[in-house]
Amino acid sequence: MNLNNKYQQLLKALLFDGIGMLSMAIPVVGPFLDILWAPYAAKKMSEMYPGKKGKIASVIVFIEEVLPYTDIVPSFTIMWVYAYVFNGISADDLNDNVIDAEVI
């Protein structure tokens, strides 16, 4: 396991969560910024965590960013904890390009 990649992923997660929470600090314009941030955050989540779990997480982060008053939830960090602590995957596993094929 490459610890450097693992903690780079954590720093990216914290950065994206911080950006997502910034909109709460802007009183009137903040909710409208969430509409722009939500698709970008979902795209970044699916890029950081490829596969089925990444797709599910990207849908969740999109919904979380679009809904009002849910910006406080650190969804990127929660996904990082889920991926690296509870599932014990390595950063190298996320960087491998795996192609699923079905033989008929």
C-alpha atoms as a PDB file:
ATOM      1  CA  MET A   1       0.000   0.000   0.000  1.00  0.00           C
ATOM      2  CA  ASN A   2       1.321   3.375  -0.979  1.00  0.00           C
ATOM      3  CA  LEU A   3       0.749   5.598   2.065  1.00  0.00           C
ATOM      4  CA  ASN A   4       1.585   8.743   0.125  1.00  0.00           C
ATOM      5  CA  ASN A   5      -1.335   8.212  -2.289  1.00  0.00           C
ATOM      6  CA  LYS A   6      -3.609   7.308   0.588  1.00  0.00           C
ATOM      7  CA  TYR A   7      -2.997  10.571   2.385  1.00  0.00           C
ATOM      8  CA  GLN A   8      -3.102  12.588  -0.831  1.00  0.00           C
ATOM      9  CA  GLN A   9      -6.612  11.209  -1.273  1.00  0.00           C
ATOM     10  CA  LEU A  10      -7.410  12.321   2.285  1.00  0.00           C
ATOM     11  CA  LEU A  11      -6.143  15.838   1.617  1.00  0.00           C
ATOM     12  CA  LYS A  12      -8.246  16.032  -1.551  1.00  0.00           C
ATOM     13  CA  ALA A  13     -11.265  14.812   0.405  1.00  0.00           C
ATOM     14  CA  LEU A  14     -10.770  17.444   3.098  1.00  0.00           C
ATOM     15  CA  LEU A  15     -10.294  20.148   0.468  1.00  0.00           C
ATOM     16  CA  PHE A  16     -13.458  19.208  -1.426  1.00  0.00           C
ATOM     17  CA  ASP A  17     -15.451  19.016   1.820  1.00  0.00           C
ATOM     18  CA  GLY A  18     -14.135  22.443   2.785  1.00  0.00           C
ATOM     19  CA  ILE A  19     -15.113  23.925  -0.562  1.00  0.00           C
ATOM     20  CA  GLY A  20     -18.562  22.402  -0.237  1.00  0.00           C
ATOM     21  CA  MET A  21     -18.995  23.890   3.231  1.00  0.00           C
ATOM     22  CA  LEU A  22     -17.891  27.367   2.149  1.00  0.00           C
ATOM     23  CA  SER A  23     -21.249  28.060   0.565  1.00  0.00           C
ATOM     24  CA  MET A  24     -22.834  28.059   4.026  1.00  0.00           C
ATOM     25  CA  ALA A  25     -20.724  31.096   4.875  1.00  0.00           C
ATOM     26  CA  ILE A  26     -22.238  33.171   2.062  1.00  0.00           C
ATOM     27  CA  PRO A  27     -25.771  34.106   3.201  1.00  0.00           C
ATOM     28  CA  VAL A  28     -27.762  34.769   0.013  1.00  0.00           C
ATOM     29  CA  VAL A  29     -25.586  33.468  -2.813  1.00  0.00           C
ATOM     30  CA  GLY A  30     -24.455  30.263  -1.080  1.00  0.00           C
ATOM     31  CA  PRO A  31     -27.406  28.033  -1.983  1.00  0.00           C
ATOM     32  CA  PHE A  32     -27.098  29.028  -5.634  1.00  0.00           C
ATOM     33  CA  LEU A  33     -23.402  28.148  -5.614  1.00  0.00           C
ATOM     34  CA  ASP A  34     -24.349  24.673  -4.424  1.00  0.00           C
ATOM     35  CA  ILE A  35     -26.220  24.133  -7.679  1.00  0.00           C
ATOM     36  CA  LEU A  36     -22.946  24.697  -9.536  1.00  0.00           C
ATOM     37  CA  TRP A  37     -20.806  22.770  -7.048  1.00  0.00           C
ATOM     38  CA  ALA A  38     -22.987  19.627  -6.844  1.00  0.00           C
ATOM     39  CA  PRO A  39     -22.276  18.211 -10.351  1.00  0.00           C
ATOM     40  CA  TYR A  40     -18.574  19.028 -10.071  1.00  0.00           C
ATOM     41  CA  ALA A  41     -18.367  17.357  -6.658  1.00  0.00           C
ATOM     42  CA  ALA A  42     -20.158  14.280  -7.984  1.00  0.00           C
ATOM     43  CA  LYS A  43     -17.720  14.070 -10.905  1.00  0.00           C
ATOM     44  CA  LYS A  44     -14.723  14.374  -8.591  1.00  0.00           C
ATOM     45  CA  MET A  45     -16.110  11.699  -6.269  1.00  0.00           C
ATOM     46  CA  SER A  46     -16.505   9.239  -9.132  1.00  0.00           C
ATOM     47  CA  GLU A  47     -12.959  10.030 -10.324  1.00  0.00           C
ATOM     48  CA  MET A  48     -11.489   9.532  -6.855  1.00  0.00           C
ATOM     49  CA  TYR A  49     -13.327   6.248  -6.255  1.00  0.00           C
ATOM     50  CA  PRO A  50     -13.996   4.361  -9.506  1.00  0.00           C
ATOM     51  CA  GLY A  51     -16.398   1.470  -9.664  1.00  0.00           C
ATOM     52  CA  LYS A  52     -19.835   0.811  -8.261  1.00  0.00           C
ATOM     53  CA  LYS A  53     -19.110   2.258  -4.809  1.00  0.00           C
ATOM     54  CA  GLY A  54     -17.754   5.436  -6.372  1.00  0.00           C
ATOM     55  CA  LYS A  55     -20.864   5.824  -8.509  1.00  0.00           C
ATOM     56  CA  ILE A  56     -23.095   5.397  -5.472  1.00  0.00           C
ATOM     57  CA  ALA A  57     -20.989   7.888  -3.520  1.00  0.00           C
ATOM     58  CA  SER A  58     -21.161  10.391  -6.382  1.00  0.00           C
ATOM     59  CA  VAL A  59     -24.966  10.239  -6.394  1.00  0.00           C
ATOM     60  CA  ILE A  60     -25.014  10.700  -2.627  1.00  0.00           C
ATOM     61  CA  VAL A  61     -22.623  13.674  -2.753  1.00  0.00           C
ATOM     62  CA  PHE A  62     -24.700  15.253  -5.519  1.00  0.00           C
ATOM     63  CA  ILE A  63     -27.884  14.974  -3.458  1.00  0.00           C
ATOM     64  CA  GLU A  64     -26.092  16.169  -0.328  1.00  0.00           C
ATOM     65  CA  GLU A  65     -24.746  19.252  -2.082  1.00  0.00           C
ATOM     66  CA  VAL A  66     -28.039  20.156  -3.746  1.00  0.00           C
ATOM     67  CA  LEU A  67     -30.161  19.865  -0.608  1.00  0.00           C
ATOM     68  CA  PRO A  68     -30.162  22.933   1.630  1.00  0.00           C
ATOM     69  CA  TYR A  69     -28.448  22.819   5.035  1.00  0.00           C
ATOM     70  CA  THR A  70     -26.659  19.524   4.356  1.00  0.00           C
ATOM     71  CA  ASP A  71     -23.317  21.088   3.457  1.00  0.00           C
ATOM     72  CA  ILE A  72     -22.032  20.343   6.940  1.00  0.00           C
ATOM     73  CA  VAL A  73     -21.848  16.607   6.084  1.00  0.00           C
ATOM     74  CA  PRO A  74     -18.248  15.769   5.089  1.00  0.00           C
ATOM     75  CA  SER A  75     -19.182  13.247   2.400  1.00  0.00           C
ATOM     76  CA  PHE A  76     -15.737  13.049   0.753  1.00  0.00           C
ATOM     77  CA  THR A  77     -14.076  12.365   4.099  1.00  0.00           C
ATOM     78  CA  ILE A  78     -16.718   9.798   5.025  1.00  0.00           C
ATOM     79  CA  MET A  79     -16.075   8.000   1.743  1.00  0.00           C
ATOM     80  CA  TRP A  80     -12.326   8.084   2.389  1.00  0.00           C
ATOM     81  CA  VAL A  81     -12.842   6.533   5.829  1.00  0.00           C
ATOM     82  CA  TYR A  82     -15.155   3.927   4.330  1.00  0.00           C
ATOM     83  CA  ALA A  83     -12.678   3.081   1.562  1.00  0.00           C
ATOM     84  CA  TYR A  84      -9.425   3.038   3.527  1.00  0.00           C
ATOM     85  CA  VAL A  85     -10.388   2.237   7.109  1.00  0.00           C
ATOM     86  CA  PHE A  86     -13.420  -0.039   6.930  1.00  0.00           C
ATOM     87  CA  ASN A  87     -12.696  -1.778   3.618  1.00  0.00           C
ATOM     88  CA  GLY A  88      -8.916  -1.625   3.904  1.00  0.00           C
ATOM     89  CA  ILE A  89      -8.293  -0.955   0.222  1.00  0.00           C
ATOM     90  CA  SER A  90      -5.046   0.539  -0.899  1.00  0.00           C
ATOM     91  CA  ALA A  91      -4.496   3.567  -3.086  1.00  0.00           C
ATOM     92  CA  ASP A  92      -2.961   1.263  -5.671  1.00  0.00           C
ATOM     93  CA  ASP A  93      -6.268  -0.603  -5.910  1.00  0.00           C
ATOM     94  CA  LEU A  94      -8.030   2.625  -6.834  1.00  0.00           C
ATOM     95  CA  ASN A  95      -5.485   3.470  -9.509  1.00  0.00           C
ATOM     96  CA  ASP A  96      -5.699   0.103 -11.272  1.00  0.00           C
ATOM     97  CA  ASN A  97      -7.853   0.122 -14.354  1.00  0.00           C
ATOM     98  CA  VAL A  98     -10.015  -2.968 -14.065  1.00  0.00           C
ATOM     99  CA  ILE A  99     -12.200  -3.995 -16.951  1.00  0.00           C
ATOM    100  CA  ASP A 100     -15.144  -6.242 -16.131  1.00  0.00           C
ATOM    101  CA  ALA A 101     -16.069  -8.578 -18.935  1.00  0.00           C
ATOM    102  CA  GLU A 102     -18.796 -11.154 -19.172  1.00  0.00           C
ATOM    103  CA  VAL A 103     -18.315 -14.230 -21.316  1.00  0.00           C
ATOM    104  CA  ILE A 104     -21.470 -15.291 -23.051  1.00  0.00           C
END
